[in-house]
Every structure is written in C-alpha cells, then in structure tokens.
Amino acid sequence: MSGGYDVLVLGEVLVEIHAGAALREAADGTPARISYSGDALNAAAAAAAAGARTALLAVVGDDDLSVPLLRRAAALGVDVSHVRRAPHPNGAYLLSADTEGDREFVYWRTRSAGSTLSPRHVASWRALLTGSAALVTSGITGALSPSSREAVVAAAHLVHGAGGHLSYDPNFRPRLTGRAEARELLAEIAPLTGLLKTSCPADALALVDTDDPPTAAARYRALGARTVAVTAGADRLLLDDGVRAAYRPVPANPAPVDATGAGDCFTGTATARLALGDGLADAVAYGIAAASLSVSGRGGTGRVPAFAETAALAAAHRRATGS
C-alpha cells in the first residue's frame, strides 16, 4: 500500500450552526456560531491529528460556504484535493451545546451536494481506495440518497478486495432512513469491516434488537464484523475482538462542553493508529482518549486533540487503572 494514504474518509461535510441557546428557546436575536462538521470531517480531522496521512472523499456544493468549508478541512490537516463539486447547496445543521450526547438537531439536507455522492465518484477514486491502508465511512453516508448508498457499498468492496481496512459506524438516524434499510446496508457492509463502531442503546436497539452492549457486539460480529467497539454512554466502551468482550476504561473529561463528534473522533483516531501499525488495544486506547478530550470543544471539530496530548492521556489513564 506504499504511496497511498493512511486513511481515506468517505462521507458528508456539513456547515454547522451552533446556537447560543437551547433550540426550543432560540428567539429573535439568539447568537450563533458557524463552523464545519459532519461525521466524515470529524473522523478525518481526528485521523490527521493522530498522525495519519488523511484524505477526504466527499462532494461539496457551489455556494459561497464551500471555500471556508474546504479551508477549514485543510487547516485540520486533511487533504481535500480529491473532493468533488456539485451544483447544489452544502448541507447544514443547527444544534445547541450538550455534554451528554443526547441532542436535538435541525438539518437542511434535501438535495444537498453531499447527497449526490454516487458510484461514479467512487470509480474516480478507485486508485486511491485500492492503494490506501484504511477507509472510514458510515451509515449516515449510506442513508443520504440511493446513490450514496451504492457509493458506500462500492467503496467498501474496493477497499476490502484490495486488502485494506474498513471502519464503519452504522450511525442510525431515523430521520434519514428506516430500520429495514439500515439493517440491509449493515448486513452488506459488516462482513467487509475490520472495525465496527456503534452506540448502545441507540444503534443497537434499532439494528440488532438489544440494549445490552455484549449482546449487541456479539450480534454485529455474527453479521461478519471482525472487531466491534460499542459506546454505552460517556464512560463505557465495550471492545469485542472475537476472542473476548470486555469493557475498556474511559478517562473522564473534567470540563465537558459538547459531545458532538466524540464517536467520530474515536473512529478516526483508532483507524489512524491501526493504519500506522499500532495493535488493536493501543489503537482503541488512543481513540478513547482522543474522544474524551474532544468533548471540551464546541461542535464536531471544535476540539481536535494533537496526538501528543492523546497519547499522554492514554498513558496516564493506563497507569491509573492498571489496564
């Protein structure tokens, strides 16, 4: 895989509008902050911060926000030279601060540029996908449109067929897709997946009919996923590698601000470290530490920790817990 990227991230980039009040209390004059997020950008930023040569595979729009959007991604260390354009607006979402991860969002995605992602784009990225170490993508990307779903499947098969690693987060969103459709996509992608990161109970109840993390992990593995990481709240992560399933300690963040993108940060960081040659245990420990640090920032890319900070927290937490 020499000459390729360490990590490619396929998916959606969004304009993020962070309200200064709870959404139900937003009134005329409520202040707001513009940033850029989306699960693909969050994961790509984390992978780049973890030391991986990272490229974003996405479609952005033709509105005026595309320039600062791509500028922000590049500033986060992500190669945006392979991003495609479409004559559509960029998707956007509005959110308010929350430290628990249980948030309400307002999205504007209909006919967005990101939803035009298609197998045609994947074909144009074929050499990248077959020549890079790892790919990160998600159920959100697969739910944006029928063509996006086809793109996710095509990219996953290309990477798997070339011997690369695939990280997949089902990220079930009922406003985007139905349970049956999400389960069908999961069943197709899981056997190609080296690391499946999922949430419990949100994803697990919808996709594998359980709110028990060990049972969820076992059911995802039965679908074909090699390794499963299940986040179960802010302080628990279960890792099932096929040999054993065990909870991994999560360092507490003493000053949480916003949990948006923490799961993406975990996936991007862990995938980067796997691509760079770390073992599974270390890669997951780094992912957990980076995700914990990330909740100190506002928005999906508001706090992307440098790897030195991530590694220091992981080492300190390992010493403190004896894990």
C-alpha atoms as a PDB file:
ATOM      1  CA  MET A   1       0.000   0.000   0.000  1.00  0.00           C
ATOM      2  CA  SER A   2       3.049   2.270  -0.300  1.00  0.00           C
ATOM      3  CA  GLY A   3       2.362   5.611  -1.913  1.00  0.00           C
ATOM      4  CA  GLY A   4      -1.281   5.732  -0.814  1.00  0.00           C
ATOM      5  CA  TYR A   5      -2.942   7.474   2.079  1.00  0.00           C
ATOM      6  CA  ASP A   6      -3.075   6.004   5.543  1.00  0.00           C
ATOM      7  CA  VAL A   7      -6.762   6.870   5.923  1.00  0.00           C
ATOM      8  CA  LEU A   8      -9.486   7.873   3.496  1.00  0.00           C
ATOM      9  CA  VAL A   9     -12.830   9.121   4.808  1.00  0.00           C
ATOM     10  CA  LEU A  10     -15.884   8.835   2.586  1.00  0.00           C
ATOM     11  CA  GLY A  11     -18.929  10.869   3.506  1.00  0.00           C
ATOM     12  CA  GLU A  12     -20.603  14.169   4.144  1.00  0.00           C
ATOM     13  CA  VAL A  13     -19.301  17.562   5.240  1.00  0.00           C
ATOM     14  CA  LEU A  14     -21.801  19.944   6.814  1.00  0.00           C
ATOM     15  CA  VAL A  15     -21.995  23.593   7.703  1.00  0.00           C
ATOM     16  CA  GLU A  16     -22.524  23.679  11.468  1.00  0.00           C
ATOM     17  CA  ILE A  17     -24.515  26.457  13.106  1.00  0.00           C
ATOM     18  CA  HIS A  18     -24.130  26.318  16.861  1.00  0.00           C
ATOM     19  CA  ALA A  19     -26.895  28.192  18.669  1.00  0.00           C
ATOM     20  CA  GLY A  20     -26.202  30.028  21.879  1.00  0.00           C
ATOM     21  CA  ALA A  21     -29.385  28.707  23.488  1.00  0.00           C
ATOM     22  CA  ALA A  22     -31.424  25.522  23.605  1.00  0.00           C
ATOM     23  CA  LEU A  23     -33.181  25.163  20.269  1.00  0.00           C
ATOM     24  CA  ARG A  24     -36.656  25.342  21.775  1.00  0.00           C
ATOM     25  CA  GLU A  25     -35.631  28.624  23.388  1.00  0.00           C
ATOM     26  CA  ALA A  26     -33.968  30.163  20.325  1.00  0.00           C
ATOM     27  CA  ALA A  27     -35.540  33.543  19.775  1.00  0.00           C
ATOM     28  CA  ASP A  28     -35.042  36.527  17.542  1.00  0.00           C
ATOM     29  CA  GLY A  29     -31.506  37.717  18.203  1.00  0.00           C
ATOM     30  CA  THR A  30     -30.141  34.446  19.640  1.00  0.00           C
ATOM     31  CA  PRO A  31     -26.414  34.414  18.791  1.00  0.00           C
ATOM     32  CA  ALA A  32     -24.965  31.608  16.695  1.00  0.00           C
ATOM     33  CA  ARG A  33     -21.504  30.396  15.681  1.00  0.00           C
ATOM     34  CA  ILE A  34     -20.668  28.955  12.265  1.00  0.00           C
ATOM     35  CA  SER A  35     -18.256  26.052  11.949  1.00  0.00           C
ATOM     36  CA  TYR A  36     -17.881  22.937   9.830  1.00  0.00           C
ATOM     37  CA  SER A  37     -18.548  19.357  10.794  1.00  0.00           C
ATOM     38  CA  GLY A  38     -20.331  16.229   9.581  1.00  0.00           C
ATOM     39  CA  ASP A  39     -19.215  12.756  10.587  1.00  0.00           C
ATOM     40  CA  ALA A  40     -16.761  12.478   7.690  1.00  0.00           C
ATOM     41  CA  LEU A  41     -14.950  15.710   8.503  1.00  0.00           C
ATOM     42  CA  ASN A  42     -14.913  14.893  12.223  1.00  0.00           C
ATOM     43  CA  ALA A  43     -13.346  11.487  11.609  1.00  0.00           C
ATOM     44  CA  ALA A  44     -10.899  12.809   9.025  1.00  0.00           C
ATOM     45  CA  ALA A  45      -9.723  15.583  11.340  1.00  0.00           C
ATOM     46  CA  ALA A  46      -9.161  13.063  14.132  1.00  0.00           C
ATOM     47  CA  ALA A  47      -7.246  10.708  11.835  1.00  0.00           C
ATOM     48  CA  ALA A  48      -4.995  13.512  10.646  1.00  0.00           C
ATOM     49  CA  ALA A  49      -4.365  14.668  14.215  1.00  0.00           C
ATOM     50  CA  ALA A  50      -3.427  11.088  15.137  1.00  0.00           C
ATOM     51  CA  GLY A  51      -0.625  11.189  12.604  1.00  0.00           C
ATOM     52  CA  ALA A  52      -2.215   9.602   9.540  1.00  0.00           C
ATOM     53  CA  ARG A  53      -1.929  10.957   6.028  1.00  0.00           C
ATOM     54  CA  THR A  54      -5.624  11.534   5.502  1.00  0.00           C
ATOM     55  CA  ALA A  55      -7.802  12.493   2.552  1.00  0.00           C
ATOM     56  CA  LEU A  56     -11.476  13.384   2.392  1.00  0.00           C
ATOM     57  CA  LEU A  57     -13.640  11.800  -0.299  1.00  0.00           C
ATOM     58  CA  ALA A  58     -16.770  13.929  -0.466  1.00  0.00           C
ATOM     59  CA  VAL A  59     -18.918  16.130  -2.653  1.00  0.00           C
ATOM     60  CA  VAL A  60     -19.344  19.789  -1.693  1.00  0.00           C
ATOM     61  CA  GLY A  61     -21.584  22.446  -3.130  1.00  0.00           C
ATOM     62  CA  ASP A  62     -21.306  25.533  -5.261  1.00  0.00           C
ATOM     63  CA  ASP A  63     -22.419  28.047  -2.644  1.00  0.00           C
ATOM     64  CA  ASP A  64     -20.108  30.604  -1.055  1.00  0.00           C
ATOM     65  CA  LEU A  65     -19.569  28.485   2.047  1.00  0.00           C
ATOM     66  CA  SER A  66     -17.608  25.852   0.108  1.00  0.00           C
ATOM     67  CA  VAL A  67     -14.442  27.952   0.215  1.00  0.00           C
ATOM     68  CA  PRO A  68     -14.260  28.358   4.020  1.00  0.00           C
ATOM     69  CA  LEU A  69     -15.504  24.778   4.442  1.00  0.00           C
ATOM     70  CA  LEU A  70     -12.607  23.337   2.468  1.00  0.00           C
ATOM     71  CA  ARG A  71     -10.206  25.820   4.029  1.00  0.00           C
ATOM     72  CA  ARG A  72     -11.222  24.568   7.474  1.00  0.00           C
ATOM     73  CA  ALA A  73     -10.738  20.935   6.464  1.00  0.00           C
ATOM     74  CA  ALA A  74      -7.286  21.706   5.091  1.00  0.00           C
ATOM     75  CA  ALA A  75      -6.379  23.611   8.259  1.00  0.00           C
ATOM     76  CA  LEU A  76      -7.246  20.456  10.202  1.00  0.00           C
ATOM     77  CA  GLY A  77      -4.608  18.585   8.217  1.00  0.00           C
ATOM     78  CA  VAL A  78      -6.963  16.838   5.797  1.00  0.00           C
ATOM     79  CA  ASP A  79      -6.133  16.591   2.086  1.00  0.00           C
ATOM     80  CA  VAL A  80      -9.120  17.996   0.195  1.00  0.00           C
ATOM     81  CA  SER A  81      -7.644  17.756  -3.302  1.00  0.00           C
ATOM     82  CA  HIS A  82      -9.922  14.815  -4.188  1.00  0.00           C
ATOM     83  CA  VAL A  83     -13.172  16.475  -3.096  1.00  0.00           C
ATOM     84  CA  ARG A  84     -15.678  16.840  -5.928  1.00  0.00           C
ATOM     85  CA  ARG A  85     -18.125  19.696  -6.610  1.00  0.00           C
ATOM     86  CA  ALA A  86     -21.824  19.610  -7.439  1.00  0.00           C
ATOM     87  CA  PRO A  87     -24.247  22.409  -8.414  1.00  0.00           C
ATOM     88  CA  HIS A  88     -26.162  22.095  -5.159  1.00  0.00           C
ATOM     89  CA  PRO A  89     -26.013  23.829  -1.774  1.00  0.00           C
ATOM     90  CA  ASN A  90     -23.983  22.385   1.064  1.00  0.00           C
ATOM     91  CA  GLY A  91     -25.901  20.592   3.774  1.00  0.00           C
ATOM     92  CA  ALA A  92     -26.189  22.355   7.122  1.00  0.00           C
ATOM     93  CA  TYR A  93     -27.395  21.714  10.635  1.00  0.00           C
ATOM     94  CA  LEU A  94     -28.273  23.700  13.725  1.00  0.00           C
ATOM     95  CA  LEU A  95     -27.529  22.450  17.236  1.00  0.00           C
ATOM     96  CA  SER A  96     -27.093  23.654  20.782  1.00  0.00           C
ATOM     97  CA  ALA A  97     -24.456  22.701  23.353  1.00  0.00           C
ATOM     98  CA  ASP A  98     -24.901  19.437  25.202  1.00  0.00           C
ATOM     99  CA  THR A  99     -22.473  17.385  27.282  1.00  0.00           C
ATOM    100  CA  GLU A 100     -24.351  14.075  27.374  1.00  0.00           C
ATOM    101  CA  GLY A 101     -24.622  13.299  23.674  1.00  0.00           C
ATOM    102  CA  ASP A 102     -28.432  13.266  23.701  1.00  0.00           C
ATOM    103  CA  ARG A 103     -29.146  16.221  21.461  1.00  0.00           C
ATOM    104  CA  GLU A 104     -31.750  17.599  19.100  1.00  0.00           C
ATOM    105  CA  PHE A 105     -30.569  18.838  15.740  1.00  0.00           C
ATOM    106  CA  VAL A 106     -32.238  20.673  12.881  1.00  0.00           C
ATOM    107  CA  TYR A 107     -30.844  19.604   9.489  1.00  0.00           C
ATOM    108  CA  TRP A 108     -31.071  21.055   5.988  1.00  0.00           C
ATOM    109  CA  ARG A 109     -30.014  18.230   3.669  1.00  0.00           C
ATOM    110  CA  THR A 110     -32.635  17.899   0.933  1.00  0.00           C
ATOM    111  CA  ARG A 111     -30.882  17.901  -2.459  1.00  0.00           C
ATOM    112  CA  SER A 112     -27.597  18.798  -0.798  1.00  0.00           C
ATOM    113  CA  ALA A 113     -24.292  18.418  -2.596  1.00  0.00           C
ATOM    114  CA  GLY A 114     -23.275  15.657  -0.197  1.00  0.00           C
ATOM    115  CA  SER A 115     -26.307  13.584  -1.120  1.00  0.00           C
ATOM    116  CA  THR A 116     -25.175  13.453  -4.769  1.00  0.00           C
ATOM    117  CA  LEU A 117     -22.295  11.134  -3.854  1.00  0.00           C
ATOM    118  CA  SER A 118     -22.503   8.196  -6.255  1.00  0.00           C
ATOM    119  CA  PRO A 119     -20.661   5.172  -7.665  1.00  0.00           C
ATOM    120  CA  ARG A 120     -19.392   7.469 -10.397  1.00  0.00           C
ATOM    121  CA  HIS A 121     -17.408   9.362  -7.775  1.00  0.00           C
ATOM    122  CA  VAL A 122     -16.148   6.124  -6.261  1.00  0.00           C
ATOM    123  CA  ALA A 123     -14.955   4.999  -9.685  1.00  0.00           C
ATOM    124  CA  SER A 124     -12.958   8.227  -9.999  1.00  0.00           C
ATOM    125  CA  TRP A 125     -11.334   7.440  -6.623  1.00  0.00           C
ATOM    126  CA  ARG A 126     -10.637   3.784  -7.420  1.00  0.00           C
ATOM    127  CA  ALA A 127      -6.840   4.110  -7.364  1.00  0.00           C
ATOM    128  CA  LEU A 128      -7.000   5.883  -4.009  1.00  0.00           C
ATOM    129  CA  LEU A 129      -9.321   3.293  -2.480  1.00  0.00           C
ATOM    130  CA  THR A 130      -7.272   0.330  -3.642  1.00  0.00           C
ATOM    131  CA  GLY A 131      -3.934   1.926  -2.756  1.00  0.00           C
ATOM    132  CA  SER A 132      -4.568   3.264   0.748  1.00  0.00           C
ATOM    133  CA  ALA A 133      -4.407   1.479   4.074  1.00  0.00           C
ATOM    134  CA  ALA A 134      -7.851   2.221   5.505  1.00  0.00           C
ATOM    135  CA  LEU A 135     -11.274   3.666   4.785  1.00  0.00           C
ATOM    136  CA  VAL A 136     -13.770   5.164   7.237  1.00  0.00           C
ATOM    137  CA  THR A 137     -17.415   5.522   6.255  1.00  0.00           C
ATOM    138  CA  SER A 138     -20.817   5.376   7.902  1.00  0.00           C
ATOM    139  CA  GLY A 139     -24.484   4.567   7.778  1.00  0.00           C
ATOM    140  CA  ILE A 140     -25.220   8.281   7.608  1.00  0.00           C
ATOM    141  CA  THR A 141     -23.396   8.464   4.302  1.00  0.00           C
ATOM    142  CA  GLY A 142     -25.292   5.424   3.080  1.00  0.00           C
ATOM    143  CA  ALA A 143     -28.622   6.964   4.081  1.00  0.00           C
ATOM    144  CA  LEU A 144     -28.257  10.293   2.271  1.00  0.00           C
ATOM    145  CA  SER A 145     -29.638   9.003  -1.025  1.00  0.00           C
ATOM    146  CA  PRO A 146     -29.854   5.799  -3.083  1.00  0.00           C
ATOM    147  CA  SER A 147     -26.724   6.815  -4.985  1.00  0.00           C
ATOM    148  CA  SER A 148     -24.849   7.488  -1.734  1.00  0.00           C
ATOM    149  CA  ARG A 149     -25.781   4.023  -0.504  1.00  0.00           C
ATOM    150  CA  GLU A 150     -24.420   2.500  -3.702  1.00  0.00           C
ATOM    151  CA  ALA A 151     -21.250   4.557  -3.281  1.00  0.00           C
ATOM    152  CA  VAL A 152     -20.657   3.280   0.260  1.00  0.00           C
ATOM    153  CA  VAL A 153     -21.104  -0.325  -0.834  1.00  0.00           C
ATOM    154  CA  ALA A 154     -18.857   0.099  -3.868  1.00  0.00           C
ATOM    155  CA  ALA A 155     -16.097   1.793  -1.872  1.00  0.00           C
ATOM    156  CA  ALA A 156     -16.241  -0.825   0.892  1.00  0.00           C
ATOM    157  CA  HIS A 157     -15.893  -3.651  -1.614  1.00  0.00           C
ATOM    158  CA  LEU A 158     -12.962  -1.939  -3.329  1.00  0.00           C
ATOM    159  CA  VAL A 159     -11.054  -1.449  -0.087  1.00  0.00           C
ATOM    160  CA  HIS A 160     -11.797  -4.927   1.216  1.00  0.00           C
ATOM    161  CA  GLY A 161     -10.894  -6.521  -2.096  1.00  0.00           C
ATOM    162  CA  ALA A 162      -7.541  -4.739  -2.082  1.00  0.00           C
ATOM    163  CA  GLY A 163      -6.740  -5.971   1.427  1.00  0.00           C
ATOM    164  CA  GLY A 164      -7.343  -2.637   3.138  1.00  0.00           C
ATOM    165  CA  HIS A 165      -9.020  -1.987   6.472  1.00  0.00           C
ATOM    166  CA  LEU A 166     -12.603  -0.706   6.684  1.00  0.00           C
ATOM    167  CA  SER A 167     -14.009   1.106   9.718  1.00  0.00           C
ATOM    168  CA  TYR A 168     -17.778   1.513   9.700  1.00  0.00           C
ATOM    169  CA  ASP A 169     -20.173   3.290  12.041  1.00  0.00           C
ATOM    170  CA  PRO A 170     -23.839   2.382  11.395  1.00  0.00           C
ATOM    171  CA  ASN A 171     -24.871   5.712  12.985  1.00  0.00           C
ATOM    172  CA  PHE A 172     -28.583   5.020  12.605  1.00  0.00           C
ATOM    173  CA  ARG A 173     -30.582   8.200  12.023  1.00  0.00           C
ATOM    174  CA  PRO A 174     -34.363   7.589  11.838  1.00  0.00           C
ATOM    175  CA  ARG A 175     -34.919  10.944  10.135  1.00  0.00           C
ATOM    176  CA  LEU A 176     -32.701   9.786   7.277  1.00  0.00           C
ATOM    177  CA  THR A 177     -33.572   6.136   6.851  1.00  0.00           C
ATOM    178  CA  GLY A 178     -35.799   3.331   8.058  1.00  0.00           C
ATOM    179  CA  ARG A 179     -34.685   0.425  10.207  1.00  0.00           C
ATOM    180  CA  ALA A 180     -35.118  -2.115   7.407  1.00  0.00           C
ATOM    181  CA  GLU A 181     -32.936  -0.125   5.013  1.00  0.00           C
ATOM    182  CA  ALA A 182     -30.263   0.462   7.672  1.00  0.00           C
ATOM    183  CA  ARG A 183     -30.215  -3.232   8.553  1.00  0.00           C
ATOM    184  CA  GLU A 184     -29.851  -4.208   4.902  1.00  0.00           C
ATOM    185  CA  LEU A 185     -26.872  -1.888   4.493  1.00  0.00           C
ATOM    186  CA  LEU A 186     -25.336  -3.146   7.731  1.00  0.00           C
ATOM    187  CA  ALA A 187     -25.685  -6.765   6.594  1.00  0.00           C
ATOM    188  CA  GLU A 188     -23.862  -5.950   3.365  1.00  0.00           C
ATOM    189  CA  ILE A 189     -21.086  -3.898   4.949  1.00  0.00           C
ATOM    190  CA  ALA A 190     -20.404  -5.843   8.178  1.00  0.00           C
ATOM    191  CA  PRO A 191     -18.561  -8.764   6.539  1.00  0.00           C
ATOM    192  CA  LEU A 192     -16.142  -6.279   4.950  1.00  0.00           C
ATOM    193  CA  THR A 193     -15.470  -4.415   8.205  1.00  0.00           C
ATOM    194  CA  GLY A 194     -12.332  -4.608  10.320  1.00  0.00           C
ATOM    195  CA  LEU A 195     -13.687  -2.256  12.997  1.00  0.00           C
ATOM    196  CA  LEU A 196     -17.359  -1.569  13.535  1.00  0.00           C
ATOM    197  CA  LYS A 197     -18.018   1.252  15.975  1.00  0.00           C
ATOM    198  CA  THR A 198     -21.571   1.553  17.224  1.00  0.00           C
ATOM    199  CA  SER A 199     -23.656   3.008  20.044  1.00  0.00           C
ATOM    200  CA  CYS A 200     -25.859   1.273  22.555  1.00  0.00           C
ATOM    201  CA  PRO A 201     -28.738   1.582  23.059  1.00  0.00           C
ATOM    202  CA  ALA A 202     -29.401   3.949  20.116  1.00  0.00           C
ATOM    203  CA  ASP A 203     -27.916   1.973  17.221  1.00  0.00           C
ATOM    204  CA  ALA A 204     -28.158  -1.425  18.880  1.00  0.00           C
ATOM    205  CA  LEU A 205     -31.891  -1.318  19.584  1.00  0.00           C
ATOM    206  CA  ALA A 206     -32.688  -0.258  16.046  1.00  0.00           C
ATOM    207  CA  LEU A 207     -30.271  -2.554  14.230  1.00  0.00           C
ATOM    208  CA  VAL A 208     -29.720  -5.681  16.333  1.00  0.00           C
ATOM    209  CA  ASP A 209     -32.692  -5.602  18.749  1.00  0.00           C
ATOM    210  CA  THR A 210     -30.879  -5.267  22.066  1.00  0.00           C
ATOM    211  CA  ASP A 211     -29.865  -2.641  24.609  1.00  0.00           C
ATOM    212  CA  ASP A 212     -27.178  -4.886  26.112  1.00  0.00           C
ATOM    213  CA  PRO A 213     -23.668  -3.973  24.841  1.00  0.00           C
ATOM    214  CA  PRO A 214     -22.138  -7.515  24.948  1.00  0.00           C
ATOM    215  CA  THR A 215     -25.144  -8.946  23.162  1.00  0.00           C
ATOM    216  CA  ALA A 216     -25.014  -6.164  20.595  1.00  0.00           C
ATOM    217  CA  ALA A 217     -21.322  -6.773  19.943  1.00  0.00           C
ATOM    218  CA  ALA A 218     -21.923 -10.494  19.507  1.00  0.00           C
ATOM    219  CA  ARG A 219     -24.729  -9.840  17.034  1.00  0.00           C
ATOM    220  CA  TYR A 220     -22.641  -7.423  14.983  1.00  0.00           C
ATOM    221  CA  ARG A 221     -19.838  -9.990  14.916  1.00  0.00           C
ATOM    222  CA  ALA A 222     -22.317 -12.653  13.824  1.00  0.00           C
ATOM    223  CA  LEU A 223     -23.067 -10.427  10.829  1.00  0.00           C
ATOM    224  CA  GLY A 224     -19.380 -10.613   9.926  1.00  0.00           C
ATOM    225  CA  ALA A 225     -17.658  -7.638  11.578  1.00  0.00           C
ATOM    226  CA  ARG A 226     -14.189  -8.674  12.750  1.00  0.00           C
ATOM    227  CA  THR A 227     -13.946  -6.300  15.722  1.00  0.00           C
ATOM    228  CA  VAL A 228     -16.744  -4.309  17.385  1.00  0.00           C
ATOM    229  CA  ALA A 229     -16.479  -1.265  19.660  1.00  0.00           C
ATOM    230  CA  VAL A 230     -19.707  -0.369  21.445  1.00  0.00           C
ATOM    231  CA  THR A 231     -20.040   3.001  23.151  1.00  0.00           C
ATOM    232  CA  ALA A 232     -22.508   2.818  26.022  1.00  0.00           C
ATOM    233  CA  GLY A 233     -22.702   6.319  27.437  1.00  0.00           C
ATOM    234  CA  ALA A 234     -19.929   8.760  28.214  1.00  0.00           C
ATOM    235  CA  ASP A 235     -17.940   6.436  30.457  1.00  0.00           C
ATOM    236  CA  ARG A 236     -18.171   2.950  28.943  1.00  0.00           C
ATOM    237  CA  LEU A 237     -16.815   1.294  25.825  1.00  0.00           C
ATOM    238  CA  LEU A 238     -17.049  -2.425  25.170  1.00  0.00           C
ATOM    239  CA  LEU A 239     -14.500  -3.988  22.814  1.00  0.00           C
ATOM    240  CA  ASP A 240     -15.198  -7.400  21.293  1.00  0.00           C
ATOM    241  CA  ASP A 241     -12.320  -8.692  19.176  1.00  0.00           C
ATOM    242  CA  GLY A 242     -13.651 -12.182  18.689  1.00  0.00           C
ATOM    243  CA  VAL A 243     -11.505 -13.595  21.468  1.00  0.00           C
ATOM    244  CA  ARG A 244     -13.037 -11.741  24.367  1.00  0.00           C
ATOM    245  CA  ALA A 245     -15.508  -8.957  25.018  1.00  0.00           C
ATOM    246  CA  ALA A 246     -14.523  -6.551  27.780  1.00  0.00           C
ATOM    247  CA  TYR A 247     -15.234  -3.015  28.881  1.00  0.00           C
ATOM    248  CA  ARG A 248     -12.369  -0.574  28.440  1.00  0.00           C
ATOM    249  CA  PRO A 249     -11.968   2.241  30.963  1.00  0.00           C
ATOM    250  CA  VAL A 250     -12.732   5.714  29.634  1.00  0.00           C
ATOM    251  CA  PRO A 251     -10.943   8.740  31.119  1.00  0.00           C
ATOM    252  CA  ALA A 252     -13.406  11.314  32.382  1.00  0.00           C
ATOM    253  CA  ASN A 253     -13.269  14.806  30.956  1.00  0.00           C
ATOM    254  CA  PRO A 254     -13.387  17.223  33.895  1.00  0.00           C
ATOM    255  CA  ALA A 255     -14.797  20.088  31.817  1.00  0.00           C
ATOM    256  CA  PRO A 256     -17.163  18.723  29.159  1.00  0.00           C
ATOM    257  CA  VAL A 257     -18.716  21.232  26.786  1.00  0.00           C
ATOM    258  CA  ASP A 258     -20.267  19.349  23.870  1.00  0.00           C
ATOM    259  CA  ALA A 259     -20.259  15.647  22.942  1.00  0.00           C
ATOM    260  CA  THR A 260     -20.891  16.299  19.241  1.00  0.00           C
ATOM    261  CA  GLY A 261     -18.479  14.249  17.132  1.00  0.00           C
ATOM    262  CA  ALA A 262     -16.899  12.294  20.004  1.00  0.00           C
ATOM    263  CA  GLY A 263     -17.752   8.966  18.383  1.00  0.00           C
ATOM    264  CA  ASP A 264     -16.317  10.142  15.074  1.00  0.00           C
ATOM    265  CA  CYS A 265     -13.165  11.251  16.888  1.00  0.00           C
ATOM    266  CA  PHE A 266     -12.824   7.767  18.362  1.00  0.00           C
ATOM    267  CA  THR A 267     -13.258   6.089  14.986  1.00  0.00           C
ATOM    268  CA  GLY A 268     -10.881   8.408  13.141  1.00  0.00           C
ATOM    269  CA  THR A 269      -8.187   8.131  15.798  1.00  0.00           C
ATOM    270  CA  ALA A 270      -8.396   4.356  16.232  1.00  0.00           C
ATOM    271  CA  THR A 271      -8.426   3.790  12.473  1.00  0.00           C
ATOM    272  CA  ALA A 272      -5.411   6.055  12.007  1.00  0.00           C
ATOM    273  CA  ARG A 273      -3.401   4.232  14.631  1.00  0.00           C
ATOM    274  CA  LEU A 274      -4.319   0.832  13.178  1.00  0.00           C
ATOM    275  CA  ALA A 275      -3.257   2.055   9.731  1.00  0.00           C
ATOM    276  CA  LEU A 276       0.025   3.270  11.190  1.00  0.00           C
ATOM    277  CA  GLY A 277       0.756  -0.154  12.669  1.00  0.00           C
ATOM    278  CA  ASP A 278      -0.425   0.019  16.284  1.00  0.00           C
ATOM    279  CA  GLY A 279      -2.081  -3.035  17.799  1.00  0.00           C
ATOM    280  CA  LEU A 280      -5.808  -3.062  18.434  1.00  0.00           C
ATOM    281  CA  ALA A 281      -5.553  -2.456  22.191  1.00  0.00           C
ATOM    282  CA  ASP A 282      -3.338   0.611  21.778  1.00  0.00           C
ATOM    283  CA  ALA A 283      -5.355   1.994  18.856  1.00  0.00           C
ATOM    284  CA  VAL A 284      -8.576   1.719  20.865  1.00  0.00           C
ATOM    285  CA  ALA A 285      -6.955   3.291  23.931  1.00  0.00           C
ATOM    286  CA  TYR A 286      -5.848   6.239  21.811  1.00  0.00           C
ATOM    287  CA  GLY A 287      -9.316   6.504  20.298  1.00  0.00           C
ATOM    288  CA  ILE A 288     -10.934   6.579  23.728  1.00  0.00           C
ATOM    289  CA  ALA A 289      -8.518   9.229  24.980  1.00  0.00           C
ATOM    290  CA  ALA A 290      -8.994  11.453  21.923  1.00  0.00           C
ATOM    291  CA  ALA A 291     -12.768  11.188  22.160  1.00  0.00           C
ATOM    292  CA  SER A 292     -12.664  12.166  25.835  1.00  0.00           C
ATOM    293  CA  LEU A 293     -10.543  15.210  25.073  1.00  0.00           C
ATOM    294  CA  SER A 294     -12.758  16.204  22.139  1.00  0.00           C
ATOM    295  CA  VAL A 295     -15.802  16.944  24.296  1.00  0.00           C
ATOM    296  CA  SER A 296     -14.017  20.024  25.673  1.00  0.00           C
ATOM    297  CA  GLY A 297     -14.739  21.790  22.384  1.00  0.00           C
ATOM    298  CA  ARG A 298     -17.928  23.186  20.917  1.00  0.00           C
ATOM    299  CA  GLY A 299     -19.142  21.428  17.778  1.00  0.00           C
ATOM    300  CA  GLY A 300     -17.853  18.473  15.810  1.00  0.00           C
ATOM    301  CA  THR A 301     -14.384  19.874  15.115  1.00  0.00           C
ATOM    302  CA  GLY A 302     -14.187  22.409  17.906  1.00  0.00           C
ATOM    303  CA  ARG A 303     -11.586  20.376  19.810  1.00  0.00           C
ATOM    304  CA  VAL A 304      -9.355  18.034  17.843  1.00  0.00           C
ATOM    305  CA  PRO A 305      -6.566  16.977  20.211  1.00  0.00           C
ATOM    306  CA  ALA A 306      -2.995  16.682  18.991  1.00  0.00           C
ATOM    307  CA  PHE A 307      -1.673  13.138  19.168  1.00  0.00           C
ATOM    308  CA  ALA A 308       0.910  14.002  21.824  1.00  0.00           C
ATOM    309  CA  GLU A 309      -1.928  15.045  24.131  1.00  0.00           C
ATOM    310  CA  THR A 310      -3.972  11.970  23.245  1.00  0.00           C
ATOM    311  CA  ALA A 311      -1.035   9.644  23.876  1.00  0.00           C
ATOM    312  CA  ALA A 312      -0.230  11.332  27.193  1.00  0.00           C
ATOM    313  CA  LEU A 313      -3.800  10.924  28.435  1.00  0.00           C
ATOM    314  CA  ALA A 314      -3.936   7.293  27.278  1.00  0.00           C
ATOM    315  CA  ALA A 315      -0.675   6.518  29.094  1.00  0.00           C
ATOM    316  CA  ALA A 316      -1.743   8.291  32.283  1.00  0.00           C
ATOM    317  CA  HIS A 317      -5.099   6.530  32.259  1.00  0.00           C
ATOM    318  CA  ARG A 318      -3.417   3.174  31.696  1.00  0.00           C
ATOM    319  CA  ARG A 319      -1.171   3.759  34.710  1.00  0.00           C
ATOM    320  CA  ALA A 320      -4.093   4.898  36.861  1.00  0.00           C
ATOM    321  CA  THR A 321      -6.315   1.950  36.001  1.00  0.00           C
ATOM    322  CA  GLY A 322      -3.689  -0.743  35.526  1.00  0.00           C
ATOM    323  CA  SER A 323      -5.239  -1.631  32.166  1.00  0.00           C
END
